[in-house]
């Protein structure tokens, strides 16, 4: 039986865009990852507050688009999504 492929949602505010993009590239090159959904921010000029980005990612979990658990979005109390990632420092 083949291992399931991961579907990952990512979010960051303007301060985290650079880190998010490096991690996103790492995920996209991993054969275990089926898709990466980036809900923003996409540039350092986008000043959308992180809680709004996190809520967008949590909604993808609540909708079943990506794996994880969501209890605040959808009428409950907390959000948790476990991701294993590695960062390469160059």
PDB file of N, CA and C in Angstrom:
ATOM      1  N   UNK A   1       0.839  -1.176   0.000  1.00  0.00           N
ATOM      2  CA  UNK A   1       0.000   0.000   0.000  1.00  0.00           C
ATOM      3  C   UNK A   1       0.888   1.244   0.000  1.00  0.00           C
ATOM      4  N   UNK A   2       0.572   2.187  -0.856  1.00  0.00           N
ATOM      5  CA  UNK A   2       1.349   3.427  -0.960  1.00  0.00           C
ATOM      6  C   UNK A   2       1.024   4.347   0.210  1.00  0.00           C
ATOM      7  N   UNK A   3       2.039   5.058   0.654  1.00  0.00           N
ATOM      8  CA  UNK A   3       1.845   6.029   1.733  1.00  0.00           C
ATOM      9  C   UNK A   3       1.010   7.198   1.212  1.00  0.00           C
ATOM     10  N   UNK A   4       0.155   7.760   2.066  1.00  0.00           N
ATOM     11  CA  UNK A   4      -0.642   8.904   1.617  1.00  0.00           C
ATOM     12  C   UNK A   4       0.238  10.118   1.342  1.00  0.00           C
ATOM     13  N   UNK A   5      -0.204  10.952   0.429  1.00  0.00           N
ATOM     14  CA  UNK A   5       0.504  12.197   0.109  1.00  0.00           C
ATOM     15  C   UNK A   5      -0.050  13.309   1.001  1.00  0.00           C
ATOM     16  N   UNK A   6       0.841  14.215   1.403  1.00  0.00           N
ATOM     17  CA  UNK A   6       0.439  15.326   2.254  1.00  0.00           C
ATOM     18  C   UNK A   6      -0.115  16.470   1.435  1.00  0.00           C
ATOM     19  N   UNK A   7      -1.128  17.122   1.965  1.00  0.00           N
ATOM     20  CA  UNK A   7      -1.645  18.386   1.441  1.00  0.00           C
ATOM     21  C   UNK A   7      -1.424  19.404   2.554  1.00  0.00           C
ATOM     22  N   UNK A   8      -0.691  20.444   2.263  1.00  0.00           N
ATOM     23  CA  UNK A   8      -0.221  21.370   3.296  1.00  0.00           C
ATOM     24  C   UNK A   8      -0.728  22.777   3.011  1.00  0.00           C
ATOM     25  N   UNK A   9      -1.210  23.443   4.059  1.00  0.00           N
ATOM     26  CA  UNK A   9      -1.574  24.857   3.981  1.00  0.00           C
ATOM     27  C   UNK A   9      -0.507  25.655   4.724  1.00  0.00           C
ATOM     28  N   UNK A  10      -0.099  26.764   4.136  1.00  0.00           N
ATOM     29  CA  UNK A  10       0.924  27.607   4.752  1.00  0.00           C
ATOM     30  C   UNK A  10       0.426  29.037   4.841  1.00  0.00           C
ATOM     31  N   UNK A  11       0.847  29.715   5.906  1.00  0.00           N
ATOM     32  CA  UNK A  11       0.470  31.111   6.120  1.00  0.00           C
ATOM     33  C   UNK A  11       1.614  31.838   6.796  1.00  0.00           C
ATOM     34  N   UNK A  12       1.711  33.128   6.518  1.00  0.00           N
ATOM     35  CA  UNK A  12       2.710  33.977   7.177  1.00  0.00           C
ATOM     36  C   UNK A  12       2.270  35.425   7.068  1.00  0.00           C
ATOM     37  N   UNK A  13       2.773  36.241   7.981  1.00  0.00           N
ATOM     38  CA  UNK A  13       2.586  37.679   7.816  1.00  0.00           C
ATOM     39  C   UNK A  13       3.786  38.223   7.054  1.00  0.00           C
ATOM     40  N   UNK A  14       3.856  39.528   6.901  1.00  0.00           N
ATOM     41  CA  UNK A  14       4.932  40.120   6.103  1.00  0.00           C
ATOM     42  C   UNK A  14       6.321  39.797   6.663  1.00  0.00           C
ATOM     43  N   UNK A  15       6.439  39.643   7.973  1.00  0.00           N
ATOM     44  CA  UNK A  15       7.738  39.347   8.580  1.00  0.00           C
ATOM     45  C   UNK A  15       8.203  37.917   8.297  1.00  0.00           C
ATOM     46  N   UNK A  16       7.277  37.014   8.003  1.00  0.00           N
ATOM     47  CA  UNK A  16       7.634  35.616   7.802  1.00  0.00           C
ATOM     48  C   UNK A  16       7.645  35.136   6.374  1.00  0.00           C
ATOM     49  N   UNK A  17       7.411  36.038   5.418  1.00  0.00           N
ATOM     50  CA  UNK A  17       7.306  35.638   4.011  1.00  0.00           C
ATOM     51  C   UNK A  17       8.557  34.920   3.518  1.00  0.00           C
ATOM     52  N   UNK A  18       9.728  35.443   3.824  1.00  0.00           N
ATOM     53  CA  UNK A  18      10.968  34.822   3.365  1.00  0.00           C
ATOM     54  C   UNK A  18      11.140  33.407   3.883  1.00  0.00           C
ATOM     55  N   UNK A  19      10.894  33.210   5.180  1.00  0.00           N
ATOM     56  CA  UNK A  19      10.997  31.867   5.763  1.00  0.00           C
ATOM     57  C   UNK A  19       9.948  30.938   5.154  1.00  0.00           C
ATOM     58  N   UNK A  20       8.718  31.440   5.044  1.00  0.00           N
ATOM     59  CA  UNK A  20       7.633  30.623   4.490  1.00  0.00           C
ATOM     60  C   UNK A  20       7.969  30.160   3.084  1.00  0.00           C
ATOM     61  N   UNK A  21       8.487  31.057   2.275  1.00  0.00           N
ATOM     62  CA  UNK A  21       8.801  30.701   0.893  1.00  0.00           C
ATOM     63  C   UNK A  21       9.904  29.650   0.802  1.00  0.00           C
ATOM     64  N   UNK A  22      10.889  29.707   1.695  1.00  0.00           N
ATOM     65  CA  UNK A  22      11.949  28.686   1.707  1.00  0.00           C
ATOM     66  C   UNK A  22      11.398  27.332   2.130  1.00  0.00           C
ATOM     67  N   UNK A  23      10.563  27.330   3.152  1.00  0.00           N
ATOM     68  CA  UNK A  23       9.958  26.083   3.609  1.00  0.00           C
ATOM     69  C   UNK A  23       9.000  25.540   2.553  1.00  0.00           C
ATOM     70  N   UNK A  24       8.244  26.434   1.920  1.00  0.00           N
ATOM     71  CA  UNK A  24       7.320  26.026   0.856  1.00  0.00           C
ATOM     72  C   UNK A  24       8.068  25.339  -0.278  1.00  0.00           C
ATOM     73  N   UNK A  25       9.202  25.907  -0.695  1.00  0.00           N
ATOM     74  CA  UNK A  25      10.003  25.298  -1.763  1.00  0.00           C
ATOM     75  C   UNK A  25      10.489  23.908  -1.347  1.00  0.00           C
ATOM     76  N   UNK A  26      10.843  23.773  -0.086  1.00  0.00           N
ATOM     77  CA  UNK A  26      11.282  22.480   0.421  1.00  0.00           C
ATOM     78  C   UNK A  26      10.146  21.467   0.357  1.00  0.00           C
ATOM     79  N   UNK A  27       8.955  21.868   0.796  1.00  0.00           N
ATOM     80  CA  UNK A  27       7.796  20.982   0.717  1.00  0.00           C
ATOM     81  C   UNK A  27       7.484  20.611  -0.731  1.00  0.00           C
ATOM     82  N   UNK A  28       7.511  21.590  -1.617  1.00  0.00           N
ATOM     83  CA  UNK A  28       7.160  21.333  -3.019  1.00  0.00           C
ATOM     84  C   UNK A  28       8.132  20.380  -3.697  1.00  0.00           C
ATOM     85  N   UNK A  29       9.351  20.286  -3.195  1.00  0.00           N
ATOM     86  CA  UNK A  29      10.318  19.361  -3.785  1.00  0.00           C
ATOM     87  C   UNK A  29      10.278  17.970  -3.140  1.00  0.00           C
ATOM     88  N   UNK A  30       9.455  17.800  -2.134  1.00  0.00           N
ATOM     89  CA  UNK A  30       9.354  16.526  -1.423  1.00  0.00           C
ATOM     90  C   UNK A  30       8.326  15.634  -2.123  1.00  0.00           C
ATOM     91  N   UNK A  31       8.702  14.431  -2.525  1.00  0.00           N
ATOM     92  CA  UNK A  31       7.768  13.555  -3.240  1.00  0.00           C
ATOM     93  C   UNK A  31       6.584  13.102  -2.389  1.00  0.00           C
ATOM     94  N   UNK A  32       6.662  13.259  -1.061  1.00  0.00           N
ATOM     95  CA  UNK A  32       5.552  12.875  -0.192  1.00  0.00           C
ATOM     96  C   UNK A  32       4.447  13.927  -0.152  1.00  0.00           C
ATOM     97  N   UNK A  33       4.723  15.107  -0.721  1.00  0.00           N
ATOM     98  CA  UNK A  33       3.772  16.219  -0.668  1.00  0.00           C
ATOM     99  C   UNK A  33       3.001  16.292  -1.978  1.00  0.00           C
ATOM    100  N   UNK A  34       1.684  16.207  -1.872  1.00  0.00           N
ATOM    101  CA  UNK A  34       0.810  16.296  -3.044  1.00  0.00           C
ATOM    102  C   UNK A  34       0.613  17.740  -3.479  1.00  0.00           C
ATOM    103  N   UNK A  35       0.363  18.619  -2.514  1.00  0.00           N
ATOM    104  CA  UNK A  35       0.137  20.031  -2.848  1.00  0.00           C
ATOM    105  C   UNK A  35       0.443  20.919  -1.655  1.00  0.00           C
ATOM    106  N   UNK A  36       0.785  22.165  -1.967  1.00  0.00           N
ATOM    107  CA  UNK A  36       1.013  23.190  -0.954  1.00  0.00           C
ATOM    108  C   UNK A  36       0.105  24.362  -1.301  1.00  0.00           C
ATOM    109  N   UNK A  37      -0.769  24.715  -0.377  1.00  0.00           N
ATOM    110  CA  UNK A  37      -1.666  25.854  -0.570  1.00  0.00           C
ATOM    111  C   UNK A  37      -1.132  27.008   0.254  1.00  0.00           C
ATOM    112  N   UNK A  38      -0.765  28.080  -0.402  1.00  0.00           N
ATOM    113  CA  UNK A  38      -0.201  29.260   0.241  1.00  0.00           C
ATOM    114  C   UNK A  38      -1.305  30.308   0.360  1.00  0.00           C
ATOM    115  N   UNK A  39      -1.754  30.578   1.589  1.00  0.00           N
ATOM    116  CA  UNK A  39      -2.821  31.548   1.802  1.00  0.00           C
ATOM    117  C   UNK A  39      -2.279  32.950   2.085  1.00  0.00           C
ATOM    118  N   UNK A  40      -0.980  33.151   1.896  1.00  0.00           N
ATOM    119  CA  UNK A  40      -0.367  34.474   2.042  1.00  0.00           C
ATOM    120  C   UNK A  40       0.292  34.625   3.399  1.00  0.00           C
ATOM    121  N   UNK A  41       0.849  35.729   3.562  1.00  0.00           N
ATOM    122  CA  UNK A  41       1.135  36.842   2.680  1.00  0.00           C
ATOM    123  C   UNK A  41       2.134  36.413   1.597  1.00  0.00           C
ATOM    124  N   UNK A  42       1.992  36.991   0.439  1.00  0.00           N
ATOM    125  CA  UNK A  42       2.849  36.604  -0.680  1.00  0.00           C
ATOM    126  C   UNK A  42       4.061  37.517  -0.846  1.00  0.00           C
ATOM    127  N   UNK A  43       3.962  38.741  -0.340  1.00  0.00           N
ATOM    128  CA  UNK A  43       5.083  39.692  -0.431  1.00  0.00           C
ATOM    129  C   UNK A  43       5.242  40.419   0.892  1.00  0.00           C
ATOM    130  N   UNK A  44       6.406  41.016   1.103  1.00  0.00           N
ATOM    131  CA  UNK A  44       6.635  41.782   2.330  1.00  0.00           C
ATOM    132  C   UNK A  44       5.806  43.058   2.358  1.00  0.00           C
ATOM    133  N   UNK A  45       5.271  43.465   1.228  1.00  0.00           N
ATOM    134  CA  UNK A  45       4.421  44.652   1.169  1.00  0.00           C
ATOM    135  C   UNK A  45       2.990  44.377   1.621  1.00  0.00           C
ATOM    136  N   UNK A  46       2.613  43.109   1.711  1.00  0.00           N
ATOM    137  CA  UNK A  46       1.269  42.726   2.157  1.00  0.00           C
ATOM    138  C   UNK A  46       1.261  42.716   3.683  1.00  0.00           C
ATOM    139  N   UNK A  47       0.603  43.661   4.288  1.00  0.00           N
ATOM    140  CA  UNK A  47       0.615  43.835   5.747  1.00  0.00           C
ATOM    141  C   UNK A  47      -0.590  43.196   6.444  1.00  0.00           C
ATOM    142  N   UNK A  48      -1.220  42.216   5.805  1.00  0.00           N
ATOM    143  CA  UNK A  48      -2.338  41.518   6.437  1.00  0.00           C
ATOM    144  C   UNK A  48      -1.860  40.863   7.726  1.00  0.00           C
ATOM    145  N   UNK A  49      -2.596  41.048   8.793  1.00  0.00           N
ATOM    146  CA  UNK A  49      -2.212  40.516  10.103  1.00  0.00           C
ATOM    147  C   UNK A  49      -2.185  38.984  10.088  1.00  0.00           C
ATOM    148  N   UNK A  50      -1.209  38.414  10.817  1.00  0.00           N
ATOM    149  CA  UNK A  50      -1.044  36.967  10.837  1.00  0.00           C
ATOM    150  C   UNK A  50      -2.310  36.223  11.278  1.00  0.00           C
ATOM    151  N   UNK A  51      -3.050  36.694  12.295  1.00  0.00           N
ATOM    152  CA  UNK A  51      -4.247  35.932  12.687  1.00  0.00           C
ATOM    153  C   UNK A  51      -5.234  35.711  11.531  1.00  0.00           C
ATOM    154  N   UNK A  52      -5.323  36.652  10.624  1.00  0.00           N
ATOM    155  CA  UNK A  52      -6.204  36.464   9.470  1.00  0.00           C
ATOM    156  C   UNK A  52      -5.660  35.388   8.536  1.00  0.00           C
ATOM    157  N   UNK A  53      -4.343  35.368   8.362  1.00  0.00           N
ATOM    158  CA  UNK A  53      -3.725  34.317   7.536  1.00  0.00           C
ATOM    159  C   UNK A  53      -3.878  32.953   8.202  1.00  0.00           C
ATOM    160  N   UNK A  54      -3.646  32.888   9.513  1.00  0.00           N
ATOM    161  CA  UNK A  54      -3.772  31.620  10.236  1.00  0.00           C
ATOM    162  C   UNK A  54      -5.208  31.109  10.168  1.00  0.00           C
ATOM    163  N   UNK A  55      -6.173  32.021  10.256  1.00  0.00           N
ATOM    164  CA  UNK A  55      -7.579  31.614  10.158  1.00  0.00           C
ATOM    165  C   UNK A  55      -7.883  31.032   8.780  1.00  0.00           C
ATOM    166  N   UNK A  56      -7.288  31.605   7.733  1.00  0.00           N
ATOM    167  CA  UNK A  56      -7.498  31.075   6.382  1.00  0.00           C
ATOM    168  C   UNK A  56      -6.931  29.659   6.257  1.00  0.00           C
ATOM    169  N   UNK A  57      -5.752  29.427   6.835  1.00  0.00           N
ATOM    170  CA  UNK A  57      -5.166  28.084   6.813  1.00  0.00           C
ATOM    171  C   UNK A  57      -6.002  27.121   7.650  1.00  0.00           C
ATOM    172  N   UNK A  58      -6.470  27.578   8.806  1.00  0.00           N
ATOM    173  CA  UNK A  58      -7.300  26.740   9.669  1.00  0.00           C
ATOM    174  C   UNK A  58      -8.613  26.368   8.983  1.00  0.00           C
ATOM    175  N   UNK A  59      -9.145  27.291   8.204  1.00  0.00           N
ATOM    176  CA  UNK A  59     -10.394  27.001   7.492  1.00  0.00           C
ATOM    177  C   UNK A  59     -10.187  25.876   6.485  1.00  0.00           C
ATOM    178  N   UNK A  60      -9.017  25.817   5.863  1.00  0.00           N
ATOM    179  CA  UNK A  60      -8.715  24.722   4.932  1.00  0.00           C
ATOM    180  C   UNK A  60      -8.698  23.379   5.653  1.00  0.00           C
ATOM    181  N   UNK A  61      -8.235  23.392   6.909  1.00  0.00           N
ATOM    182  CA  UNK A  61      -8.261  22.168   7.713  1.00  0.00           C
ATOM    183  C   UNK A  61      -9.708  21.816   8.053  1.00  0.00           C
ATOM    184  N   UNK A  62     -10.469  22.803   8.494  1.00  0.00           N
ATOM    185  CA  UNK A  62     -11.866  22.559   8.869  1.00  0.00           C
ATOM    186  C   UNK A  62     -12.687  22.044   7.694  1.00  0.00           C
ATOM    187  N   UNK A  63     -12.378  22.541   6.498  1.00  0.00           N
ATOM    188  CA  UNK A  63     -13.094  22.118   5.288  1.00  0.00           C
ATOM    189  C   UNK A  63     -12.659  20.748   4.788  1.00  0.00           C
ATOM    190  N   UNK A  64     -11.550  20.223   5.344  1.00  0.00           N
ATOM    191  CA  UNK A  64     -11.032  18.936   4.897  1.00  0.00           C
ATOM    192  C   UNK A  64     -10.124  19.033   3.688  1.00  0.00           C
ATOM    193  N   UNK A  65      -9.768  20.255   3.299  1.00  0.00           N
ATOM    194  CA  UNK A  65      -8.880  20.443   2.149  1.00  0.00           C
ATOM    195  C   UNK A  65      -7.473  19.958   2.460  1.00  0.00           C
ATOM    196  N   UNK A  66      -7.010  20.178   3.694  1.00  0.00           N
ATOM    197  CA  UNK A  66      -5.719  19.678   4.158  1.00  0.00           C
ATOM    198  C   UNK A  66      -5.939  18.925   5.458  1.00  0.00           C
ATOM    199  N   UNK A  67      -4.997  18.065   5.818  1.00  0.00           N
ATOM    200  CA  UNK A  67      -5.129  17.261   7.024  1.00  0.00           C
ATOM    201  C   UNK A  67      -4.750  18.068   8.258  1.00  0.00           C
ATOM    202  N   UNK A  68      -5.306  17.693   9.375  1.00  0.00           N
ATOM    203  CA  UNK A  68      -5.018  18.354  10.639  1.00  0.00           C
ATOM    204  C   UNK A  68      -6.273  18.334  11.481  1.00  0.00           C
ATOM    205  N   UNK A  69      -6.259  19.084  12.547  1.00  0.00           N
ATOM    206  CA  UNK A  69      -7.460  19.218  13.352  1.00  0.00           C
ATOM    207  C   UNK A  69      -7.740  20.693  13.533  1.00  0.00           C
ATOM    208  N   UNK A  70      -8.986  21.043  13.500  1.00  0.00           N
ATOM    209  CA  UNK A  70      -9.376  22.432  13.682  1.00  0.00           C
ATOM    210  C   UNK A  70     -10.574  22.468  14.603  1.00  0.00           C
ATOM    211  N   UNK A  71     -10.447  23.138  15.722  1.00  0.00           N
ATOM    212  CA  UNK A  71     -11.559  23.200  16.659  1.00  0.00           C
ATOM    213  C   UNK A  71     -12.057  24.612  16.896  1.00  0.00           C
ATOM    214  N   UNK A  72     -11.293  25.611  16.553  1.00  0.00           N
ATOM    215  CA  UNK A  72     -11.778  26.982  16.703  1.00  0.00           C
ATOM    216  C   UNK A  72     -12.575  27.378  15.468  1.00  0.00           C
ATOM    217  N   UNK A  73     -12.041  27.047  14.317  1.00  0.00           N
ATOM    218  CA  UNK A  73     -12.766  27.283  13.081  1.00  0.00           C
ATOM    219  C   UNK A  73     -13.819  26.189  12.988  1.00  0.00           C
ATOM    220  N   UNK A  74     -15.030  26.528  12.709  1.00  0.00           N
ATOM    221  CA  UNK A  74     -16.091  25.528  12.638  1.00  0.00           C
ATOM    222  C   UNK A  74     -16.801  25.344  13.965  1.00  0.00           C
ATOM    223  N   UNK A  75     -16.686  26.315  14.874  1.00  0.00           N
ATOM    224  CA  UNK A  75     -17.488  26.298  16.081  1.00  0.00           C
ATOM    225  C   UNK A  75     -16.861  25.656  17.298  1.00  0.00           C
ATOM    226  N   UNK A  76     -15.605  25.300  17.250  1.00  0.00           N
ATOM    227  CA  UNK A  76     -14.996  24.717  18.441  1.00  0.00           C
ATOM    228  C   UNK A  76     -13.819  25.560  18.908  1.00  0.00           C
ATOM    229  N   UNK A  77     -12.874  25.009  19.708  1.00  0.00           N
ATOM    230  CA  UNK A  77     -12.010  25.873  20.470  1.00  0.00           C
ATOM    231  C   UNK A  77     -10.539  25.989  20.125  1.00  0.00           C
ATOM    232  N   UNK A  78      -9.918  25.087  19.453  1.00  0.00           N
ATOM    233  CA  UNK A  78      -8.478  25.234  19.239  1.00  0.00           C
ATOM    234  C   UNK A  78      -8.080  24.675  17.880  1.00  0.00           C
ATOM    235  N   UNK A  79      -6.909  25.046  17.427  1.00  0.00           N
ATOM    236  CA  UNK A  79      -6.406  24.602  16.133  1.00  0.00           C
ATOM    237  C   UNK A  79      -5.049  23.955  16.342  1.00  0.00           C
ATOM    238  N   UNK A  80      -4.866  22.780  15.782  1.00  0.00           N
ATOM    239  CA  UNK A  80      -3.556  22.132  15.834  1.00  0.00           C
ATOM    240  C   UNK A  80      -3.328  21.408  14.530  1.00  0.00           C
ATOM    241  N   UNK A  81      -2.187  21.601  13.960  1.00  0.00           N
ATOM    242  CA  UNK A  81      -1.824  20.893  12.748  1.00  0.00           C
ATOM    243  C   UNK A  81      -0.355  20.547  12.865  1.00  0.00           C
ATOM    244  N   UNK A  82      -0.002  19.297  12.768  1.00  0.00           N
ATOM    245  CA  UNK A  82       1.381  18.867  12.933  1.00  0.00           C
ATOM    246  C   UNK A  82       2.037  18.734  11.578  1.00  0.00           C
ATOM    247  N   UNK A  83       3.170  19.400  11.430  1.00  0.00           N
ATOM    248  CA  UNK A  83       3.945  19.315  10.205  1.00  0.00           C
ATOM    249  C   UNK A  83       5.392  18.999  10.564  1.00  0.00           C
ATOM    250  N   UNK A  84       5.988  18.106   9.834  1.00  0.00           N
ATOM    251  CA  UNK A  84       7.412  17.866   9.983  1.00  0.00           C
ATOM    252  C   UNK A  84       8.097  18.580   8.820  1.00  0.00           C
ATOM    253  N   UNK A  85       9.065  19.409   9.134  1.00  0.00           N
ATOM    254  CA  UNK A  85       9.764  20.120   8.063  1.00  0.00           C
ATOM    255  C   UNK A  85      11.230  20.240   8.413  1.00  0.00           C
ATOM    256  N   UNK A  86      12.027  20.462   7.419  1.00  0.00           N
ATOM    257  CA  UNK A  86      13.441  20.668   7.633  1.00  0.00           C
ATOM    258  C   UNK A  86      13.829  21.962   6.930  1.00  0.00           C
ATOM    259  N   UNK A  87      14.723  22.687   7.560  1.00  0.00           N
ATOM    260  CA  UNK A  87      15.177  23.941   6.959  1.00  0.00           C
ATOM    261  C   UNK A  87      16.654  23.801   6.612  1.00  0.00           C
ATOM    262  N   UNK A  88      16.984  24.258   5.446  1.00  0.00           N
ATOM    263  CA  UNK A  88      18.379  24.257   5.026  1.00  0.00           C
ATOM    264  C   UNK A  88      18.915  25.661   5.149  1.00  0.00           C
ATOM    265  N   UNK A  89      20.001  25.794   5.846  1.00  0.00           N
ATOM    266  CA  UNK A  89      20.648  27.098   5.975  1.00  0.00           C
ATOM    267  C   UNK A  89      21.769  27.158   4.953  1.00  0.00           C
ATOM    268  N   UNK A  90      21.736  28.174   4.120  1.00  0.00           N
ATOM    269  CA  UNK A  90      22.759  28.299   3.084  1.00  0.00           C
ATOM    270  C   UNK A  90      23.599  29.504   3.321  1.00  0.00           C
TER     271      UNK A  90
END
